Amino acid sequence: MKKRKVISSIILIIWFVFSITDFSLAKVNKTPIFATPVIRYKDGGSTEYYGLGYKVIKYVNLTVERGPEVVKIDFGTWFMRFSPTQ
């Protein structure tokens, strides 16, 4: 019983560290570390990353002058939809 509690606590701590790290990176418009890229859009390089219970969407615009530039990065659940117009 105690071993099960220790294992579940370790798993919860690992999940918490992964999600907090990727959340803080999304706040400063950086690419997540622990989430993997799953869907890449052909709009300049926008990408959806999936983590352990969360999703990070990186919106990229393609400009003639500067090339691809990151517009914003959203952090949310797996049910969050790609919406570049917001």
N, C-alpha and C. Protein backbone atom coordinates (compact mmCIF):
# COMPACT_ATOMS: atom_id res chain seq x y z
N MET A 1 0.82 -1.19 0.00
CA MET A 1 0.00 0.00 0.00
C MET A 1 0.87 1.26 0.00
N LYS A 2 1.91 1.28 0.83
CA LYS A 2 2.78 2.43 0.90
C LYS A 2 3.59 2.59 -0.40
N LYS A 3 3.98 1.49 -1.00
CA LYS A 3 4.74 1.53 -2.25
C LYS A 3 3.89 2.14 -3.37
N ARG A 4 2.61 1.80 -3.41
CA ARG A 4 1.71 2.34 -4.42
C ARG A 4 1.55 3.85 -4.26
N LYS A 5 1.49 4.29 -3.00
CA LYS A 5 1.34 5.72 -2.71
C LYS A 5 2.60 6.49 -3.13
N VAL A 6 3.76 5.91 -2.90
CA VAL A 6 5.02 6.55 -3.28
C VAL A 6 5.13 6.65 -4.80
N ILE A 7 4.78 5.59 -5.49
CA ILE A 7 4.85 5.58 -6.96
C ILE A 7 3.88 6.60 -7.55
N SER A 8 2.66 6.66 -7.04
CA SER A 8 1.71 7.62 -7.57
C SER A 8 2.14 9.06 -7.25
N SER A 9 2.77 9.28 -6.12
CA SER A 9 3.28 10.61 -5.79
C SER A 9 4.41 11.02 -6.73
N ILE A 10 5.29 10.10 -7.06
CA ILE A 10 6.38 10.38 -7.99
C ILE A 10 5.83 10.71 -9.38
N ILE A 11 4.85 9.95 -9.83
CA ILE A 11 4.24 10.21 -11.13
C ILE A 11 3.57 11.59 -11.14
N LEU A 12 2.89 11.94 -10.09
CA LEU A 12 2.23 13.24 -9.99
C LEU A 12 3.25 14.38 -10.00
N ILE A 13 4.36 14.21 -9.31
CA ILE A 13 5.40 15.23 -9.29
C ILE A 13 6.03 15.40 -10.67
N ILE A 14 6.28 14.30 -11.36
CA ILE A 14 6.85 14.37 -12.71
C ILE A 14 5.89 15.09 -13.65
N TRP A 15 4.60 14.75 -13.59
CA TRP A 15 3.61 15.44 -14.43
C TRP A 15 3.58 16.93 -14.13
N PHE A 16 3.62 17.27 -12.85
CA PHE A 16 3.58 18.67 -12.44
C PHE A 16 4.79 19.44 -12.97
N VAL A 17 5.97 18.85 -12.87
CA VAL A 17 7.19 19.50 -13.36
C VAL A 17 7.13 19.68 -14.88
N PHE A 18 6.69 18.66 -15.61
CA PHE A 18 6.58 18.76 -17.07
C PHE A 18 5.62 19.87 -17.47
N SER A 19 4.43 19.88 -16.87
CA SER A 19 3.43 20.86 -17.28
C SER A 19 3.82 22.28 -16.88
N ILE A 20 4.38 22.48 -15.70
CA ILE A 20 4.80 23.81 -15.28
C ILE A 20 5.95 24.33 -16.15
N THR A 21 6.88 23.46 -16.52
CA THR A 21 7.99 23.87 -17.38
C THR A 21 7.48 24.32 -18.74
N ASP A 22 6.62 23.51 -19.36
CA ASP A 22 6.10 23.89 -20.68
C ASP A 22 5.18 25.10 -20.60
N PHE A 23 4.44 25.25 -19.50
CA PHE A 23 3.59 26.43 -19.33
C PHE A 23 4.43 27.70 -19.23
N SER A 24 5.50 27.65 -18.45
CA SER A 24 6.34 28.83 -18.31
C SER A 24 7.06 29.16 -19.62
N LEU A 25 7.42 28.16 -20.40
CA LEU A 25 8.02 28.43 -21.71
C LEU A 25 7.00 29.03 -22.67
N ALA A 26 5.75 28.60 -22.59
CA ALA A 26 4.71 29.15 -23.46
C ALA A 26 4.45 30.62 -23.12
N LYS A 27 4.57 30.98 -21.86
CA LYS A 27 4.34 32.37 -21.45
C LYS A 27 5.36 33.33 -22.05
N VAL A 28 6.57 32.86 -22.30
CA VAL A 28 7.61 33.72 -22.88
C VAL A 28 7.85 33.41 -24.37
N ASN A 29 6.85 32.78 -25.02
CA ASN A 29 6.88 32.46 -26.47
C ASN A 29 8.08 31.59 -26.86
N LYS A 30 8.34 30.57 -26.09
CA LYS A 30 9.39 29.59 -26.41
C LYS A 30 8.74 28.25 -26.71
N THR A 31 9.41 27.41 -27.48
CA THR A 31 8.93 26.08 -27.83
C THR A 31 8.98 25.16 -26.61
N PRO A 32 7.94 24.33 -26.39
CA PRO A 32 7.95 23.44 -25.22
C PRO A 32 9.03 22.37 -25.31
N ILE A 33 9.48 21.91 -24.16
CA ILE A 33 10.53 20.89 -24.09
C ILE A 33 9.93 19.48 -24.00
N PHE A 34 8.93 19.29 -23.14
CA PHE A 34 8.41 17.97 -22.84
C PHE A 34 7.22 17.55 -23.70
N ALA A 35 6.68 18.44 -24.49
CA ALA A 35 5.57 18.10 -25.39
C ALA A 35 6.15 17.78 -26.76
N THR A 36 5.53 16.83 -27.46
CA THR A 36 6.03 16.43 -28.78
C THR A 36 5.18 17.05 -29.88
N PRO A 37 5.82 17.47 -30.99
CA PRO A 37 5.05 18.04 -32.10
C PRO A 37 4.25 16.95 -32.81
N VAL A 38 2.96 17.18 -32.99
CA VAL A 38 2.09 16.18 -33.59
C VAL A 38 1.55 16.67 -34.94
N ILE A 39 1.08 17.91 -34.99
CA ILE A 39 0.49 18.44 -36.21
C ILE A 39 1.24 19.70 -36.61
N ARG A 40 1.67 19.76 -37.88
CA ARG A 40 2.31 20.96 -38.42
C ARG A 40 1.42 21.50 -39.54
N TYR A 41 1.10 22.77 -39.44
CA TYR A 41 0.25 23.42 -40.44
C TYR A 41 1.11 24.11 -41.48
N LYS A 42 0.55 24.26 -42.68
CA LYS A 42 1.29 24.88 -43.79
C LYS A 42 0.91 26.36 -43.93
N ASP A 43 0.88 27.06 -42.81
CA ASP A 43 0.54 28.48 -42.82
C ASP A 43 1.75 29.34 -42.45
N GLY A 44 2.90 28.76 -42.46
CA GLY A 44 4.10 29.46 -42.06
C GLY A 44 4.88 28.70 -41.02
N GLY A 45 4.30 27.62 -40.52
CA GLY A 45 5.01 26.78 -39.55
C GLY A 45 4.32 26.59 -38.23
N SER A 46 3.02 26.89 -38.14
CA SER A 46 2.29 26.67 -36.89
C SER A 46 2.31 25.20 -36.53
N THR A 47 2.42 24.90 -35.24
CA THR A 47 2.58 23.52 -34.78
C THR A 47 1.76 23.29 -33.52
N GLU A 48 1.17 22.09 -33.42
CA GLU A 48 0.50 21.65 -32.20
C GLU A 48 1.39 20.63 -31.51
N TYR A 49 1.67 20.87 -30.23
CA TYR A 49 2.47 19.97 -29.40
C TYR A 49 1.56 19.34 -28.36
N TYR A 50 1.72 18.03 -28.15
CA TYR A 50 0.94 17.32 -27.13
C TYR A 50 1.85 16.87 -26.01
N GLY A 51 1.42 17.16 -24.78
CA GLY A 51 2.13 16.71 -23.59
C GLY A 51 1.26 15.76 -22.80
N LEU A 52 1.62 15.53 -21.55
CA LEU A 52 0.87 14.62 -20.69
C LEU A 52 -0.37 15.30 -20.13
N GLY A 53 -1.44 15.35 -20.91
CA GLY A 53 -2.69 15.95 -20.49
C GLY A 53 -2.85 17.40 -20.89
N TYR A 54 -1.93 17.93 -21.65
CA TYR A 54 -2.02 19.32 -22.09
C TYR A 54 -1.57 19.45 -23.54
N LYS A 55 -1.89 20.60 -24.12
CA LYS A 55 -1.53 20.88 -25.50
C LYS A 55 -0.95 22.28 -25.58
N VAL A 56 0.08 22.45 -26.41
CA VAL A 56 0.67 23.75 -26.67
C VAL A 56 0.57 24.00 -28.16
N ILE A 57 0.00 25.16 -28.54
CA ILE A 57 -0.11 25.50 -29.95
C ILE A 57 0.76 26.72 -30.20
N LYS A 58 1.70 26.58 -31.15
CA LYS A 58 2.57 27.69 -31.53
C LYS A 58 2.09 28.23 -32.87
N TYR A 59 1.62 29.49 -32.87
CA TYR A 59 1.13 30.14 -34.08
C TYR A 59 2.28 30.92 -34.73
N VAL A 60 2.52 30.65 -36.01
CA VAL A 60 3.60 31.30 -36.75
C VAL A 60 3.03 31.92 -38.01
N ASN A 61 3.40 33.17 -38.26
CA ASN A 61 3.03 33.85 -39.50
C ASN A 61 4.24 33.93 -40.40
N LEU A 62 4.01 33.82 -41.69
CA LEU A 62 5.07 33.93 -42.68
C LEU A 62 4.98 35.32 -43.29
N THR A 63 6.02 36.12 -43.10
CA THR A 63 6.05 37.47 -43.67
C THR A 63 7.12 37.56 -44.74
N VAL A 64 6.94 38.47 -45.66
CA VAL A 64 7.90 38.63 -46.75
C VAL A 64 9.19 39.29 -46.23
N GLU A 65 9.03 40.26 -45.35
CA GLU A 65 10.20 41.01 -44.88
C GLU A 65 11.08 40.21 -43.93
N ARG A 66 10.45 39.58 -42.92
CA ARG A 66 11.21 38.93 -41.86
C ARG A 66 11.18 37.41 -41.90
N GLY A 67 10.39 36.82 -42.77
CA GLY A 67 10.28 35.37 -42.80
C GLY A 67 9.31 34.88 -41.73
N PRO A 68 9.46 33.63 -41.27
CA PRO A 68 8.54 33.12 -40.24
C PRO A 68 8.78 33.79 -38.89
N GLU A 69 7.69 34.22 -38.25
CA GLU A 69 7.80 34.82 -36.92
C GLU A 69 6.69 34.28 -36.03
N VAL A 70 7.04 33.98 -34.79
CA VAL A 70 6.09 33.44 -33.83
C VAL A 70 5.16 34.57 -33.38
N VAL A 71 3.86 34.35 -33.56
CA VAL A 71 2.87 35.35 -33.17
C VAL A 71 2.52 35.17 -31.70
N LYS A 72 2.14 33.96 -31.33
CA LYS A 72 1.81 33.66 -29.93
C LYS A 72 1.87 32.17 -29.71
N ILE A 73 1.89 31.79 -28.44
CA ILE A 73 1.87 30.38 -28.06
C ILE A 73 0.78 30.21 -27.01
N ASP A 74 -0.15 29.26 -27.26
CA ASP A 74 -1.25 28.98 -26.34
C ASP A 74 -0.99 27.68 -25.59
N PHE A 75 -1.41 27.63 -24.33
CA PHE A 75 -1.28 26.45 -23.48
C PHE A 75 -2.67 26.10 -22.99
N GLY A 76 -3.06 24.82 -23.10
CA GLY A 76 -4.39 24.41 -22.64
C GLY A 76 -4.53 22.90 -22.62
N THR A 77 -5.78 22.44 -22.59
CA THR A 77 -6.04 21.00 -22.56
C THR A 77 -5.97 20.41 -23.96
N TRP A 78 -6.08 19.09 -24.04
CA TRP A 78 -6.07 18.42 -25.35
C TRP A 78 -7.25 18.84 -26.22
N PHE A 79 -8.30 19.38 -25.62
CA PHE A 79 -9.50 19.75 -26.37
C PHE A 79 -9.44 21.15 -26.94
N MET A 80 -8.37 21.88 -26.71
CA MET A 80 -8.19 23.22 -27.25
C MET A 80 -8.07 23.12 -28.77
N ARG A 81 -8.75 24.03 -29.49
CA ARG A 81 -8.75 24.00 -30.95
C ARG A 81 -7.76 25.01 -31.52
N PHE A 82 -7.26 24.69 -32.72
CA PHE A 82 -6.37 25.58 -33.44
C PHE A 82 -7.21 26.72 -34.01
N SER A 83 -6.92 27.94 -33.60
CA SER A 83 -7.65 29.10 -34.11
C SER A 83 -6.67 30.27 -34.27
N PRO A 84 -6.08 30.41 -35.45
CA PRO A 84 -5.06 31.44 -35.65
C PRO A 84 -5.59 32.86 -35.70
N THR A 85 -6.88 33.08 -35.81
CA THR A 85 -7.42 34.43 -35.94
C THR A 85 -7.59 35.14 -34.62
N GLN A 86 -7.43 34.46 -33.50
CA GLN A 86 -7.65 35.10 -32.19
C GLN A 86 -6.45 35.89 -31.78
